[in-house]
Protein backbone atom coordinates (compact mmCIF):
# COMPACT_ATOMS: atom_id res chain seq x y z
CA UNK A 1 -0.05 -0.17 0.21
CA UNK A 2 2.98 1.83 0.65
CA UNK A 3 4.77 1.37 -2.65
CA UNK A 4 1.48 2.23 -4.17
CA UNK A 5 0.62 5.91 -3.21
CA UNK A 6 4.33 6.21 -3.43
CA UNK A 7 4.41 5.77 -7.19
CA UNK A 8 1.19 7.85 -7.41
CA UNK A 9 3.13 10.62 -5.84
CA UNK A 10 5.75 9.93 -8.36
CA UNK A 11 3.54 10.34 -11.48
CA UNK A 12 1.67 13.32 -9.97
CA UNK A 13 5.08 15.18 -9.72
CA UNK A 14 5.64 14.22 -13.36
CA UNK A 15 2.55 15.29 -14.59
CA UNK A 16 2.87 18.76 -13.14
CA UNK A 17 6.46 18.92 -14.49
CA UNK A 18 5.24 18.69 -17.82
CA UNK A 19 2.71 20.93 -17.56
CA UNK A 20 4.96 23.34 -15.99
CA UNK A 21 7.65 23.03 -19.01
CA UNK A 22 4.13 23.37 -22.01
CA UNK A 23 3.03 26.04 -19.86
CA UNK A 24 6.77 28.22 -20.20
CA UNK A 25 7.19 26.69 -24.20
CA UNK A 26 3.56 29.19 -24.78
CA UNK A 27 4.45 31.87 -22.90
CA UNK A 28 8.23 32.35 -24.43
CA UNK A 29 6.56 31.54 -28.29
CA UNK A 30 3.92 34.11 -27.34
CA UNK A 31 6.49 36.51 -26.11
CA UNK A 32 8.95 35.69 -29.41
CA UNK A 33 5.84 36.36 -31.73
CA UNK A 34 5.16 39.74 -30.04
CA UNK A 35 8.70 40.98 -30.88
CA UNK A 36 9.00 39.88 -34.49
CA UNK A 37 7.28 42.60 -36.98
CA UNK A 38 7.31 43.10 -40.35
CA UNK A 39 10.50 45.27 -41.82
CA UNK A 40 9.48 47.76 -44.45
CA UNK A 41 11.48 50.00 -46.84
CA UNK A 42 9.98 53.53 -46.51
CA UNK A 43 10.75 57.12 -48.41
CA UNK A 44 10.14 60.48 -46.95
CA UNK A 45 7.20 62.17 -48.88
CA UNK A 46 8.49 65.81 -49.87
CA UNK A 47 5.82 68.31 -51.65
CA UNK A 48 7.06 69.59 -54.83
CA UNK A 49 5.69 72.89 -56.52
CA UNK A 50 5.99 71.22 -59.77
CA UNK A 51 7.17 67.89 -61.78
CA UNK A 52 9.45 67.80 -64.59
CA UNK A 53 8.62 65.21 -67.33
CA UNK A 54 10.87 63.78 -69.84
CA UNK A 55 8.61 62.85 -73.14
CA UNK A 56 9.65 61.21 -76.04
CA UNK A 57 7.84 61.49 -79.57
CA UNK A 58 8.38 59.32 -82.72
CA UNK A 59 9.52 59.90 -85.92
CA UNK A 60 11.44 58.76 -88.85
CA UNK A 61 14.84 60.01 -90.39
CA UNK A 62 14.14 61.86 -93.93
CA UNK A 63 16.58 63.29 -96.24
CA UNK A 64 17.09 67.37 -96.57
CA UNK A 65 15.93 66.67 -100.21
CA UNK A 66 13.66 64.04 -102.03
CA UNK A 67 13.02 64.68 -105.31
CA UNK A 68 10.70 62.63 -107.82
CA UNK A 69 12.68 63.22 -111.12
CA UNK A 70 10.34 62.81 -114.11
CA UNK A 71 11.16 63.82 -117.82
CA UNK A 72 9.01 67.21 -118.86
CA UNK A 73 8.31 65.62 -122.40
CA UNK A 74 7.13 62.34 -123.56
CA UNK A 75 8.53 59.42 -125.29
CA UNK A 76 10.56 56.24 -125.49
CA UNK A 77 13.08 55.39 -122.51
CA UNK A 78 16.28 55.04 -124.63
CA UNK A 79 18.22 53.85 -121.61
CA UNK A 80 18.31 53.99 -117.38
CA UNK A 81 22.11 54.66 -116.60
CA UNK A 82 21.20 53.97 -112.68
CA UNK A 83 19.59 51.32 -110.55
CA UNK A 84 18.11 51.53 -106.83
CA UNK A 85 20.92 52.74 -103.92
CA UNK A 86 23.40 54.39 -106.91
CA UNK A 87 25.26 57.51 -105.82
CA UNK A 88 25.07 60.47 -108.31
CA UNK A 89 26.59 63.34 -108.24
CA UNK A 90 25.30 66.94 -109.33
CA UNK A 91 24.77 67.04 -113.01
CA UNK A 92 24.97 63.27 -114.20
CA UNK A 93 22.97 61.62 -116.47
CA UNK A 94 20.45 59.81 -114.76
CA UNK A 95 18.19 58.57 -118.09
CA UNK A 96 17.29 59.79 -121.74
CA UNK A 97 14.61 59.25 -123.72
CA UNK A 98 14.34 58.23 -128.04
CA UNK A 99 15.25 61.11 -129.70
CA UNK A 100 15.69 60.29 -133.38
CA UNK A 101 12.46 61.80 -134.19
CA UNK A 102 13.36 64.88 -132.98
CA UNK A 103 16.32 64.59 -134.96
CA UNK A 104 14.23 64.58 -137.98
CA UNK A 105 12.23 67.16 -136.88
CA UNK A 106 15.40 69.39 -136.59
CA UNK A 107 17.30 68.87 -139.84
CA UNK A 108 13.68 69.94 -141.70
CA UNK A 109 13.76 72.94 -139.62
CA UNK A 110 17.12 73.53 -140.63
CA UNK A 111 16.37 73.26 -144.51
CA UNK A 112 13.29 75.28 -144.22
CA UNK A 113 15.48 77.89 -142.56
CA UNK A 114 17.87 77.79 -145.36
CA UNK A 115 15.48 77.88 -148.08
CA UNK A 116 13.98 81.06 -146.09
CA UNK A 117 17.19 82.60 -146.38
CA UNK A 118 17.78 81.88 -150.05
CA UNK A 119 14.39 83.43 -150.27
CA UNK A 120 14.77 86.15 -148.35
CA UNK A 121 18.48 87.23 -150.34
CA UNK A 122 16.39 86.75 -153.39
CA UNK A 123 13.73 89.47 -152.39
CA UNK A 124 16.22 91.98 -150.98
CA UNK A 125 18.32 91.25 -154.32
CA UNK A 126 15.57 92.35 -156.77
CA UNK A 127 14.79 95.48 -153.82
CA UNK A 128 18.47 96.54 -154.97
CA UNK A 129 17.23 96.58 -158.68
CA UNK A 130 14.15 98.22 -157.92
CA UNK A 131 15.87 100.57 -156.99
CA UNK A 132 17.97 101.23 -160.32
CA UNK A 133 14.82 100.91 -162.51
CA UNK A 134 12.99 103.77 -160.04
CA UNK A 135 15.52 106.02 -160.19
CA UNK A 136 15.22 105.52 -164.52
CA UNK A 137 11.82 105.12 -164.38
CA UNK A 138 11.35 101.75 -165.68
CA UNK A 139 9.51 100.85 -162.40
CA UNK A 140 6.15 101.18 -160.59
CA UNK A 141 5.73 102.05 -156.91
CA UNK A 142 3.63 98.72 -156.61
CA UNK A 143 5.74 96.44 -157.18
CA UNK A 144 8.16 97.69 -154.64
CA UNK A 145 5.32 97.56 -152.37
CA UNK A 146 5.04 93.49 -152.74
CA UNK A 147 9.17 93.13 -152.58
CA UNK A 148 9.18 95.08 -149.24
CA UNK A 149 5.96 92.97 -148.31
CA UNK A 150 7.87 89.75 -149.42
CA UNK A 151 11.05 90.51 -147.63
CA UNK A 152 9.18 91.40 -144.16
CA UNK A 153 7.29 87.76 -144.54
CA UNK A 154 10.48 85.90 -145.10
CA UNK A 155 11.97 87.48 -142.18
CA UNK A 156 8.99 86.91 -140.12
CA UNK A 157 8.83 83.29 -141.70
CA UNK A 158 12.54 82.82 -140.28
CA UNK A 159 12.15 83.84 -136.90
CA UNK A 160 9.43 81.29 -136.82
CA UNK A 161 11.71 78.91 -138.12
CA UNK A 162 14.77 79.75 -135.76
CA UNK A 163 12.62 79.66 -132.71
CA UNK A 164 11.28 76.14 -133.62
CA UNK A 165 14.78 75.17 -134.19
CA UNK A 166 15.44 76.02 -130.44
CA UNK A 167 12.11 74.30 -129.32
CA UNK A 168 13.81 71.28 -130.75
CA UNK A 169 16.95 71.95 -128.90
CA UNK A 170 15.57 72.66 -125.52
CA UNK A 171 13.36 69.14 -126.47
CA UNK A 172 16.48 67.11 -127.05
CA UNK A 173 18.43 68.46 -124.05
CA UNK A 174 14.80 68.11 -121.81
CA UNK A 175 15.00 63.74 -123.25
CA UNK A 176 17.87 63.62 -120.53
CA UNK A 177 17.67 62.97 -117.20
CA UNK A 178 20.64 64.88 -115.17
CA UNK A 179 20.55 64.87 -110.81
CA UNK A 180 19.37 67.77 -109.69
CA UNK A 181 21.65 67.08 -106.54
CA UNK A 182 24.75 64.88 -104.89
CA UNK A 183 22.25 61.92 -103.64
CA UNK A 184 21.60 57.93 -103.42
CA UNK A 185 18.75 56.66 -106.20
CA UNK A 186 15.92 55.76 -103.86
CA UNK A 187 13.51 54.33 -106.40
CA UNK A 188 13.54 53.23 -110.18
CA UNK A 189 10.13 52.61 -112.00
CA UNK A 190 10.85 53.14 -115.60
CA UNK A 191 12.88 50.67 -117.77
CA UNK A 192 14.63 50.52 -121.25
CA UNK A 193 11.85 50.64 -123.79
CA UNK A 194 8.65 51.49 -121.44
CA UNK A 195 6.40 54.86 -122.86
CA UNK A 196 7.10 57.80 -120.32
CA UNK A 197 4.86 60.55 -120.03
CA UNK A 198 5.09 63.68 -119.19
CA UNK A 199 5.56 64.37 -115.50
CA UNK A 200 5.25 60.90 -114.46
CA UNK A 201 8.17 60.30 -112.02
CA UNK A 202 10.92 58.40 -113.32
CA UNK A 203 13.16 58.05 -110.16
CA UNK A 204 12.94 59.22 -106.87
CA UNK A 205 16.61 61.01 -106.05
CA UNK A 206 17.57 61.15 -101.84
CA UNK A 207 20.21 63.97 -101.29
CA UNK A 208 23.01 62.24 -99.21
CA UNK A 209 25.28 64.24 -96.59
CA UNK A 210 22.54 66.18 -94.70
CA UNK A 211 19.34 64.20 -93.27
CA UNK A 212 16.81 65.28 -90.91
CA UNK A 213 14.35 63.93 -88.56
CA UNK A 214 10.66 64.86 -89.12
CA UNK A 215 8.79 64.21 -85.56
CA UNK A 216 5.32 65.31 -85.38
CA UNK A 217 4.53 67.48 -81.66
CA UNK A 218 1.62 67.94 -79.06
CA UNK A 219 0.99 71.56 -80.09
CA UNK A 220 0.98 72.75 -76.50
CA UNK A 221 4.88 71.13 -76.32
CA UNK A 222 5.66 72.69 -79.90
CA UNK A 223 4.50 76.61 -78.84
CA UNK A 224 7.94 76.19 -76.44
CA UNK A 225 9.98 75.16 -79.35
CA UNK A 226 12.15 77.87 -81.36
CA UNK A 227 14.64 77.21 -84.41
CA UNK A 228 17.95 76.71 -83.62
CA UNK A 229 17.07 75.12 -80.02
CA UNK A 230 19.54 72.08 -79.41
CA UNK A 231 17.29 68.82 -78.47
CA UNK A 232 18.28 65.02 -78.07
CA UNK A 233 17.56 62.83 -80.72
CA UNK A 234 17.99 58.59 -80.25
CA UNK A 235 18.40 56.70 -83.47
CA UNK A 236 18.95 53.33 -83.48
CA UNK A 237 19.95 53.28 -79.56
CA UNK A 238 22.25 56.00 -80.02
CA UNK A 239 21.49 59.40 -78.48
CA UNK A 240 22.80 62.22 -80.42
CA UNK A 241 22.21 66.30 -80.93
CA UNK A 242 20.28 68.27 -82.99
CA UNK A 243 19.35 71.21 -84.19
CA UNK A 244 15.29 72.56 -85.07
CA UNK A 245 15.99 73.62 -88.70
CA UNK A 246 12.04 74.94 -88.43
CA UNK A 247 8.71 74.51 -86.54
CA UNK A 248 5.47 73.17 -88.68
CA UNK A 249 2.72 76.15 -88.75
CA UNK A 250 -0.49 73.75 -89.20
CA UNK A 251 -1.59 69.97 -87.45
CA UNK A 252 -1.27 67.28 -89.05
CA UNK A 253 -4.45 66.29 -90.51
CA UNK A 254 -4.47 62.10 -88.63
CA UNK A 255 -2.46 62.87 -85.09
CA UNK A 256 -3.01 66.99 -85.17
CA UNK A 257 0.57 67.16 -84.46
CA UNK A 258 3.00 69.93 -85.55
CA UNK A 259 5.68 68.83 -87.83
CA UNK A 260 9.52 69.40 -86.32
CA UNK A 261 12.12 69.63 -88.66
CA UNK A 262 15.67 68.16 -87.10
CA UNK A 263 18.80 68.56 -88.54
CA UNK A 264 20.98 64.79 -87.90
CA UNK A 265 24.96 65.74 -87.23
CA UNK A 266 25.60 62.21 -89.52
CA UNK A 267 24.56 60.91 -92.26
CA UNK A 268 25.40 57.13 -91.68
CA UNK A 269 20.83 56.72 -91.42
CA UNK A 270 19.24 55.16 -93.59
CA UNK A 271 16.00 57.13 -95.12
CA UNK A 272 13.20 55.88 -93.14
CA UNK A 273 14.64 54.98 -89.98
CA UNK A 274 12.61 55.33 -86.71
CA UNK A 275 13.88 58.02 -84.36
CA UNK A 276 12.79 59.42 -80.72
CA UNK A 277 12.60 63.08 -80.06
CA UNK A 278 12.92 63.54 -76.01
CA UNK A 279 11.19 67.11 -74.38
CA UNK A 280 10.97 68.01 -71.32
CA UNK A 281 7.76 68.71 -69.95
CA UNK A 282 6.17 69.56 -66.94
CA UNK A 283 3.49 69.55 -64.50
CA UNK A 284 2.26 72.68 -62.85
CA UNK A 285 0.80 71.29 -60.04
CA UNK A 286 1.97 70.49 -56.07
CA UNK A 287 2.71 66.94 -55.54
CA UNK A 288 4.83 64.20 -54.29
CA UNK A 289 7.40 61.99 -56.49
CA UNK A 290 7.34 58.35 -55.32
CA UNK A 291 8.45 55.91 -56.48
CA UNK A 292 6.53 53.73 -59.02
CA UNK A 293 6.67 50.47 -56.80
CA UNK A 294 4.95 52.41 -53.74
CA UNK A 295 1.36 52.64 -55.21
CA UNK A 296 -1.07 50.08 -55.68
CA UNK A 297 -4.54 50.04 -57.57
CA UNK A 298 -7.49 51.24 -55.54
CA UNK A 299 -11.25 52.04 -56.42
CA UNK A 300 -12.75 54.71 -58.78
CA UNK A 301 -9.41 55.23 -60.65
CA UNK A 302 -7.64 56.24 -57.72
CA UNK A 303 -4.69 55.23 -56.74
CA UNK A 304 -3.14 53.51 -52.87
CA UNK A 305 -0.24 54.00 -50.85
CA UNK A 306 0.87 52.91 -47.60
CA UNK A 307 1.22 55.92 -44.78
CA UNK A 308 3.65 54.98 -41.69
CA UNK A 309 1.96 56.09 -38.40
CA UNK A 310 5.18 56.43 -35.63
CA UNK A 311 3.71 54.97 -32.12
CA UNK A 312 5.55 53.48 -28.91
CA UNK A 313 8.68 51.11 -29.44
CA UNK A 314 9.89 52.69 -32.42
CA UNK A 315 7.40 51.21 -34.31
CA UNK A 316 4.73 52.47 -37.21
CA UNK A 317 1.17 51.27 -38.10
CA UNK A 318 0.13 51.42 -41.47
CA UNK A 319 -2.33 53.54 -42.72
CA UNK A 320 -3.77 53.39 -46.58
CA UNK A 321 -4.33 56.51 -48.40
CA UNK A 322 -6.12 57.13 -51.52
CA UNK A 323 -4.46 59.80 -54.09
CA UNK A 324 -4.22 61.02 -57.48
CA UNK A 325 -1.38 59.46 -60.08
CA UNK A 326 -0.49 62.48 -62.67
CA UNK A 327 2.32 60.93 -63.71
CA UNK A 328 3.95 57.23 -64.05
CA UNK A 329 7.08 55.36 -65.59
CA UNK A 330 9.20 52.33 -64.39
CA UNK A 331 10.94 54.14 -61.84
CA UNK A 332 8.93 56.76 -60.41
CA UNK A 333 5.16 58.40 -60.14
CA UNK A 334 3.89 62.01 -59.06
CA UNK A 335 1.08 62.26 -57.19
CA UNK A 336 -1.22 65.13 -55.50
CA UNK A 337 -3.53 64.59 -52.23
CA UNK A 338 -3.75 61.92 -50.09
CA UNK A 339 -0.14 62.97 -48.19
CA UNK A 340 1.51 65.55 -46.60
CA UNK A 341 5.16 66.31 -46.43
CA UNK A 342 7.06 64.65 -44.28
CA UNK A 343 5.05 61.75 -44.09
CA UNK A 344 6.37 58.04 -44.09
CA UNK A 345 5.29 55.79 -46.92
CA UNK A 346 5.82 52.57 -48.00
CA UNK A 347 8.56 52.31 -50.71
CA UNK A 348 8.01 48.62 -51.91
CA UNK A 349 6.73 45.46 -51.52
CA UNK A 350 3.27 46.73 -50.65
CA UNK A 351 1.50 43.32 -51.11
CA UNK A 352 3.20 42.23 -47.57
CA UNK A 353 1.48 45.09 -45.67
CA UNK A 354 -2.11 45.64 -44.64
CA UNK A 355 -3.75 48.58 -42.89
CA UNK A 356 -3.44 48.86 -39.16
CA UNK A 357 -0.65 46.10 -38.88
CA UNK A 358 2.49 47.46 -36.81
CA UNK A 359 6.07 47.01 -38.97
CA UNK A 360 9.07 48.20 -38.40
CA UNK A 361 11.80 50.03 -40.81
CA UNK A 362 14.15 48.74 -42.38
CA UNK A 363 16.97 51.36 -42.24
CA UNK A 364 16.39 55.42 -41.84
CA UNK A 365 14.25 56.48 -45.34
CA UNK A 366 16.16 58.20 -47.14
């Protein structure tokens, strides 16, 4: 009986010890959970009276001059001396028409002019003889009038034939298509033996050595651009400077933008290459510049940030604020309303916190 009571007492002591040990572990676990708080990165909201935005507008590289070269007179293309991509100098022969008919016409006109010249010489000789006959009283005044009329008509006909010869020479010259400036052949529309109509382009010539960027800019920004301004361009990943040559005086029909022409310092880019023009714009509204990662979507088109309100023990309570977004890119955002100057804002990891949560700072906010 004594041994049984002793055993029961020993079991009771062991049970009490186990209970005390479990109670101590629970208390220690609660204590550890109370001191572990979510660390967050934060920034200090600093109010700004305006915000500068770098905007990029897309355009294309174009030569300073582009010309559709055409024959002024119709005819059959005898030969085309250049192909697409060929470089030519000013005055180089590009193509020519068959001038066989013009050569025949020229010989006919020359023969008619020679005939008229002979008639004129005969008429003038008859007039001299008429003078002698009139002096001796053997000729009438009517005959002199007829000879003088024939002389004047022949002279007029010779002038007409000479003008026709000059016109024939011009047409023969115009049958030769010459380069109006140094450049490269962009497109070729005619081949040997094809019929050329007046004014129909035979070739497209692009000027080399001078390139321009043609960029459409919104009217509000174009007002601040002046001829001679130096701007930044980005072409094929390369950044370079360019001088503004002209600002358009009308809006484009489709985009309602103003065309801005900028000279490109280098000529190694191909016509049609995409170019970006960088311009500074300003938002003249007081607001705050925050990291883009600090914002999360809210309701009714608003955005939300989490403000840190200090409490005891160096901790902070998370508070949600809605505000308006005025500008955002991959790095930063400009917002207005909802926060005050000097408040701490959760800079990143907004998905790890909720309103009312106690958190601690990872480090001093920058």
